[in-house]
Protein backbone atom coordinates (compact mmCIF):
# COMPACT_ATOMS: atom_id res chain seq x y z
CA MET A 1 94.38 148.93 133.21
CA THR A 2 91.80 146.15 133.31
CA PHE A 3 88.28 146.72 132.04
CA THR A 4 85.39 144.34 132.65
CA LEU A 5 82.13 145.14 130.89
CA TYR A 6 78.86 143.62 132.08
CA HIS A 7 76.69 143.66 128.97
CA HIS A 8 74.06 141.96 126.80
CA GLY A 9 73.79 141.53 123.04
CA SER A 10 70.51 143.37 122.54
CA SER A 11 71.09 146.17 125.05
CA VAL A 12 71.33 149.47 123.16
CA CYS A 13 73.30 151.02 126.02
CA ALA A 14 75.79 148.16 126.15
CA ALA A 15 76.23 148.35 122.38
CA LYS A 16 76.92 152.07 122.69
CA VAL A 17 79.78 151.41 125.10
CA ARG A 18 81.15 148.55 122.99
CA PHE A 19 81.16 150.91 119.98
CA ALA A 20 82.89 153.72 121.88
CA MET A 21 85.56 151.37 123.27
CA ALA A 22 86.17 149.94 119.80
CA GLU A 23 86.55 153.43 118.33
CA LYS A 24 88.99 154.25 121.13
CA GLY A 25 90.94 151.01 120.59
CA MET A 26 90.27 149.79 124.15
CA GLU A 27 90.25 146.10 124.99
CA TRP A 28 87.94 144.66 127.62
CA ASP A 29 86.82 141.44 129.23
CA GLY A 30 83.10 140.72 129.19
CA VAL A 31 80.55 139.27 131.56
CA TYR A 32 77.40 138.46 129.61
CA ILE A 33 74.18 139.25 131.49
CA ASP A 34 71.08 137.76 129.87
CA ILE A 35 68.56 140.50 130.54
CA LEU A 36 65.71 138.54 128.92
CA LYS A 37 66.15 135.77 131.49
CA GLY A 38 66.36 138.24 134.38
CA GLU A 39 70.04 137.74 135.20
CA GLN A 40 70.36 141.49 135.82
CA PHE A 41 68.23 141.02 138.94
CA ASP A 42 70.72 138.66 140.57
CA PRO A 43 71.60 140.07 144.02
CA GLY A 44 75.31 140.00 143.19
CA TYR A 45 74.81 142.08 140.06
CA LEU A 46 72.42 144.48 141.80
CA LYS A 47 75.27 145.34 144.17
CA LEU A 48 77.17 146.62 141.13
CA ASN A 49 74.18 148.23 139.44
CA PRO A 50 71.18 148.82 141.75
CA LYS A 51 68.97 149.76 138.78
CA GLY A 52 69.33 146.24 137.42
CA VAL A 53 70.36 147.33 133.92
CA VAL A 54 73.39 146.93 131.68
CA PRO A 55 76.05 147.98 131.01
CA THR A 56 78.27 148.30 134.02
CA LEU A 57 82.00 148.90 133.62
CA VAL A 58 84.49 147.79 136.25
CA HIS A 59 87.87 149.51 135.83
CA ASP A 60 90.32 147.75 138.14
CA ASP A 61 88.32 148.07 141.38
CA LEU A 62 86.14 151.05 140.33
CA VAL A 63 82.50 150.49 139.33
CA ILE A 64 80.98 152.81 136.72
CA PRO A 65 77.34 152.25 135.63
CA ASP A 66 75.36 154.20 132.99
CA SER A 67 76.56 154.15 129.38
CA THR A 68 76.80 157.92 128.91
CA VAL A 69 78.83 158.29 132.10
CA ILE A 70 81.01 155.34 131.13
CA ILE A 71 81.96 156.91 127.80
CA GLU A 72 82.68 160.27 129.43
CA TYR A 73 84.84 158.47 132.02
CA LEU A 74 86.77 156.60 129.32
CA ASP A 75 87.47 159.86 127.50
CA GLN A 76 88.77 161.36 130.74
CA ILE A 77 91.24 158.54 131.31
CA ALA A 78 92.19 158.23 127.63
CA PRO A 79 91.79 161.76 126.21
CA GLU A 80 94.16 161.07 123.32
CA THR A 81 91.40 159.02 121.64
CA SER A 82 88.47 161.17 122.77
CA VAL A 83 85.17 160.72 120.94
CA HIS A 84 84.03 164.14 122.21
CA PRO A 85 84.85 167.24 120.10
CA THR A 86 87.49 169.66 121.40
CA ASP A 87 85.59 172.75 120.23
CA PRO A 88 83.42 173.98 123.16
CA TRP A 89 80.40 174.78 120.95
CA GLU A 90 80.50 171.40 119.21
CA ARG A 91 80.99 169.69 122.56
CA ALA A 92 77.83 171.42 123.80
CA GLN A 93 75.91 170.23 120.71
CA VAL A 94 77.07 166.68 121.39
CA ARG A 95 75.84 166.94 124.95
CA TYR A 96 72.38 167.97 123.73
CA TRP A 97 72.22 164.73 121.77
CA THR A 98 73.46 162.51 124.60
CA LYS A 99 71.09 164.25 127.01
CA ALA A 100 68.16 163.71 124.65
CA VAL A 101 69.07 160.03 124.32
CA ASP A 102 69.10 159.54 128.08
CA GLU A 103 65.94 161.53 128.80
CA ASP A 104 63.68 160.76 125.83
CA LEU A 105 64.96 158.35 123.23
CA HIS A 106 66.10 155.54 125.52
CA PRO A 107 62.74 155.23 127.33
CA ALA A 108 61.01 155.37 123.93
CA CYS A 109 63.29 152.60 122.68
CA GLY A 110 62.53 150.48 125.74
CA THR A 111 58.85 150.91 125.05
CA MET A 112 59.05 150.02 121.36
CA THR A 113 61.36 147.07 121.96
CA PHE A 114 59.09 145.49 124.57
CA VAL A 115 55.85 146.33 122.78
CA CYS A 116 57.05 145.16 119.37
CA SER A 117 59.30 142.22 120.26
CA HIS A 118 60.56 141.48 123.78
CA ARG A 119 57.08 140.86 125.18
CA HIS A 120 56.78 137.88 122.83
CA THR A 121 60.32 136.66 123.55
CA VAL A 122 59.90 136.84 127.33
CA LEU A 123 56.67 134.85 127.19
CA LYS A 124 58.17 132.32 124.77
CA ASN A 125 61.34 131.76 126.83
CA LEU A 126 59.94 131.97 130.35
CA GLY A 127 56.31 130.95 130.07
CA PRO A 128 53.47 132.66 131.98
CA GLU A 129 54.83 131.93 135.48
CA GLY A 130 58.39 132.85 134.55
CA ALA A 131 57.20 136.06 132.93
CA GLU A 132 55.39 137.01 136.14
CA GLU A 133 58.58 136.45 138.12
CA PHE A 134 60.59 138.42 135.54
CA LEU A 135 58.24 141.39 135.79
CA ALA A 136 58.11 141.26 139.59
CA SER A 137 61.93 141.33 139.80
CA THR A 138 62.32 144.70 138.09
CA PRO A 139 63.51 147.40 140.53
CA LYS A 140 61.05 150.26 141.00
CA ILE A 141 63.60 152.75 139.64
CA SER A 142 65.36 151.49 136.53
CA VAL A 143 65.17 152.83 132.96
CA THR A 144 62.75 155.46 134.31
CA SER A 145 61.39 156.19 137.78
CA ASN A 146 58.27 154.14 136.94
CA TRP A 147 59.81 151.53 134.60
CA LYS A 148 58.57 148.59 136.68
CA GLU A 149 54.93 149.55 136.12
CA LEU A 150 55.51 150.56 132.51
CA LYS A 151 57.30 147.35 131.54
CA ASP A 152 54.58 145.30 133.17
CA SER A 153 51.98 147.15 131.11
CA PHE A 154 53.95 146.88 127.85
CA VAL A 155 54.47 143.14 128.24
CA ARG A 156 50.83 142.50 129.12
CA TYR A 157 49.06 144.84 126.71
CA GLY A 158 51.47 145.68 123.86
CA PHE A 159 50.29 148.60 121.72
CA GLU A 160 47.18 148.92 123.88
CA ALA A 161 49.30 149.85 126.92
CA PRO A 162 48.91 153.46 128.11
CA GLY A 163 51.57 155.67 126.53
CA ALA A 164 52.79 153.13 123.97
CA THR A 165 51.54 155.05 120.94
CA GLU A 166 53.05 158.30 122.21
CA LYS A 167 56.48 156.65 122.58
CA VAL A 168 56.35 155.38 119.00
CA LYS A 169 55.69 158.94 117.84
CA LEU A 170 58.46 160.30 120.09
CA TYR A 171 60.93 157.83 118.59
CA ASP A 172 59.98 159.05 115.13
CA THR A 173 60.39 162.66 116.24
CA TYR A 174 64.06 162.01 116.96
CA LEU A 175 64.60 160.47 113.54
CA HIS A 176 63.24 163.71 112.11
CA LYS A 177 65.57 165.72 114.37
CA MET A 178 68.45 163.68 112.99
CA GLU A 179 67.24 164.31 109.45
CA ASP A 180 67.39 168.07 110.06
CA ALA A 181 70.79 167.94 111.78
CA LEU A 182 72.30 165.90 108.94
CA GLU A 183 71.23 168.32 106.22
CA GLY A 184 74.39 169.27 104.32
CA ARG A 185 76.74 167.33 106.60
CA GLU A 186 78.02 163.79 107.01
CA TRP A 187 77.78 163.50 110.79
CA LEU A 188 75.45 164.84 113.47
CA VAL A 189 77.77 167.47 114.92
CA GLY A 190 80.44 169.43 113.06
CA ASP A 191 82.53 167.72 110.41
CA SER A 192 83.65 164.70 112.40
CA PHE A 193 82.26 161.42 113.69
CA SER A 194 81.67 161.82 117.43
CA VAL A 195 79.93 160.43 120.47
CA ALA A 196 76.72 161.96 119.11
CA ASP A 197 76.83 159.46 116.24
CA ILE A 198 77.92 156.67 118.58
CA SER A 199 75.00 157.44 120.91
CA LEU A 200 72.32 157.44 118.20
CA THR A 201 73.59 154.38 116.35
CA PRO A 202 72.10 151.74 118.70
CA TYR A 203 68.66 153.31 118.48
CA VAL A 204 68.52 153.42 114.69
CA ASN A 205 70.03 149.93 114.54
CA ARG A 206 67.35 148.65 116.93
CA LEU A 207 64.70 149.72 114.41
CA ALA A 208 66.65 148.10 111.58
CA MET A 209 66.90 144.84 113.51
CA MET A 210 63.14 144.97 114.11
CA SER A 211 62.42 145.21 110.36
CA MET A 212 61.47 148.90 110.59
CA ARG A 213 63.82 150.55 108.08
CA GLY A 214 60.66 151.92 106.52
CA MET A 215 60.80 154.67 109.14
CA TRP A 216 63.58 156.30 107.07
CA GLU A 217 63.89 154.44 103.77
CA PHE A 218 61.96 154.90 100.49
CA GLY A 219 62.63 158.65 100.49
CA ARG A 220 61.07 159.35 103.90
CA LEU A 221 64.27 160.52 105.65
CA PRO A 222 67.09 160.42 103.08
CA ASN A 223 69.72 162.01 105.31
CA VAL A 224 69.14 159.41 108.02
CA GLU A 225 69.28 156.66 105.39
CA ARG A 226 72.61 157.97 104.09
CA TRP A 227 73.99 158.35 107.63
CA PHE A 228 73.01 154.83 108.66
CA LYS A 229 74.59 153.34 105.54
CA ALA A 230 77.84 155.07 106.53
CA ILE A 231 77.46 153.73 110.08
CA GLU A 232 76.91 150.18 108.81
CA ALA A 233 80.09 150.53 106.73
CA ASN A 234 82.12 151.37 109.85
CA PRO A 235 84.64 148.55 110.46
CA ASN A 236 83.55 148.29 114.10
CA PHE A 237 79.81 148.18 113.44
CA ARG A 238 79.23 144.49 112.96
CA SER A 239 81.43 143.36 115.86
CA CYS A 240 79.78 145.81 118.26
CA PHE A 241 76.12 145.60 117.20
CA ILE A 242 75.43 142.40 115.29
CA ASP A 243 77.84 139.67 116.39
CA TRP A 244 76.95 139.91 120.09
CA VAL A 245 73.25 139.27 119.52
CA PRO A 246 72.43 135.53 119.74
CA GLU A 247 70.92 134.09 116.57
CA ASP A 248 67.60 133.25 118.21
CA LEU A 249 67.26 136.78 119.57
CA THR A 250 68.19 138.26 116.19
CA ASN A 251 65.44 136.15 114.65
CA ASP A 252 62.96 137.19 117.35
CA LEU A 253 63.68 140.89 116.82
CA ARG A 254 63.33 140.55 113.05
CA GLU A 255 60.21 138.40 113.04
CA ASN A 256 58.37 140.03 115.94
CA GLY A 257 59.26 143.44 114.57
CA ALA A 258 57.98 142.55 111.11
CA ARG A 259 54.73 141.41 112.69
CA SER A 260 54.48 144.73 114.56
CA TRP A 261 55.56 146.97 111.68
CA PRO A 262 52.07 147.45 110.17
CA GLU A 263 50.82 148.87 113.48
CA VAL A 264 53.85 151.17 113.82
CA ALA A 265 53.33 152.33 110.22
CA ARG A 266 49.66 152.99 110.95
CA ILE A 267 50.53 155.08 114.02
CA LEU A 268 53.05 157.12 112.00
CA GLU A 269 50.83 157.30 108.89
CA ILE A 270 53.41 155.57 106.71
CA GLU A 271 52.03 153.87 103.63
CA ILE A 272 53.21 150.27 103.21
């Protein structure tokens, strides 16, 4: 079996698949798509993934887009290393988490990432004219059915964009949901590490990379803090989440995020 993964260092969805494949012991070849330069809008790539997002997995001659579907597919073809629980009830609980990620948390993450950091990076790397071309290239249906208009607004207006504040609060809501789910247990579902933990890891790590650990540290969400420390200690964490992010992008996320943190803290009424 040959696996080719089209991915990017800062993509939370691509990181999720890299993490799942590492946990399953699967090797893959990579094609790096620089989503901050608009390479995902290349006509050749759009034939593989019409939404113009990463990741996309090519297994031999089969094309599988969408990170949640990719992981489910990998567990179907390699069930002996499944990251889904075998117990039907626990499997259902896992699906609630992956469904919530796809429907709520991922769009919220896209909002926060662009509002807090990527808007500055796109303008810095592409300039005003390049940024206009980048925004115009986004397919109408992508992260959400109206992502083209939303991304345009987030890049232009930042926290002043319609809906931006609400997405920050929604993101925080899911951290609180995690806090409740982790009460008295090590992992999100049952007694074992599962795709629920894999699926949430990129979204908590995105906040960490944007200098926003204050959303759970200093006693605010101790269960999430404990969980993320265990995640960071995972032998596959660094190679899947940190090493793939170019140094300049890592710096942008950290510095732009730190500059945005006071506004996020104000929205969430966190004292800093």
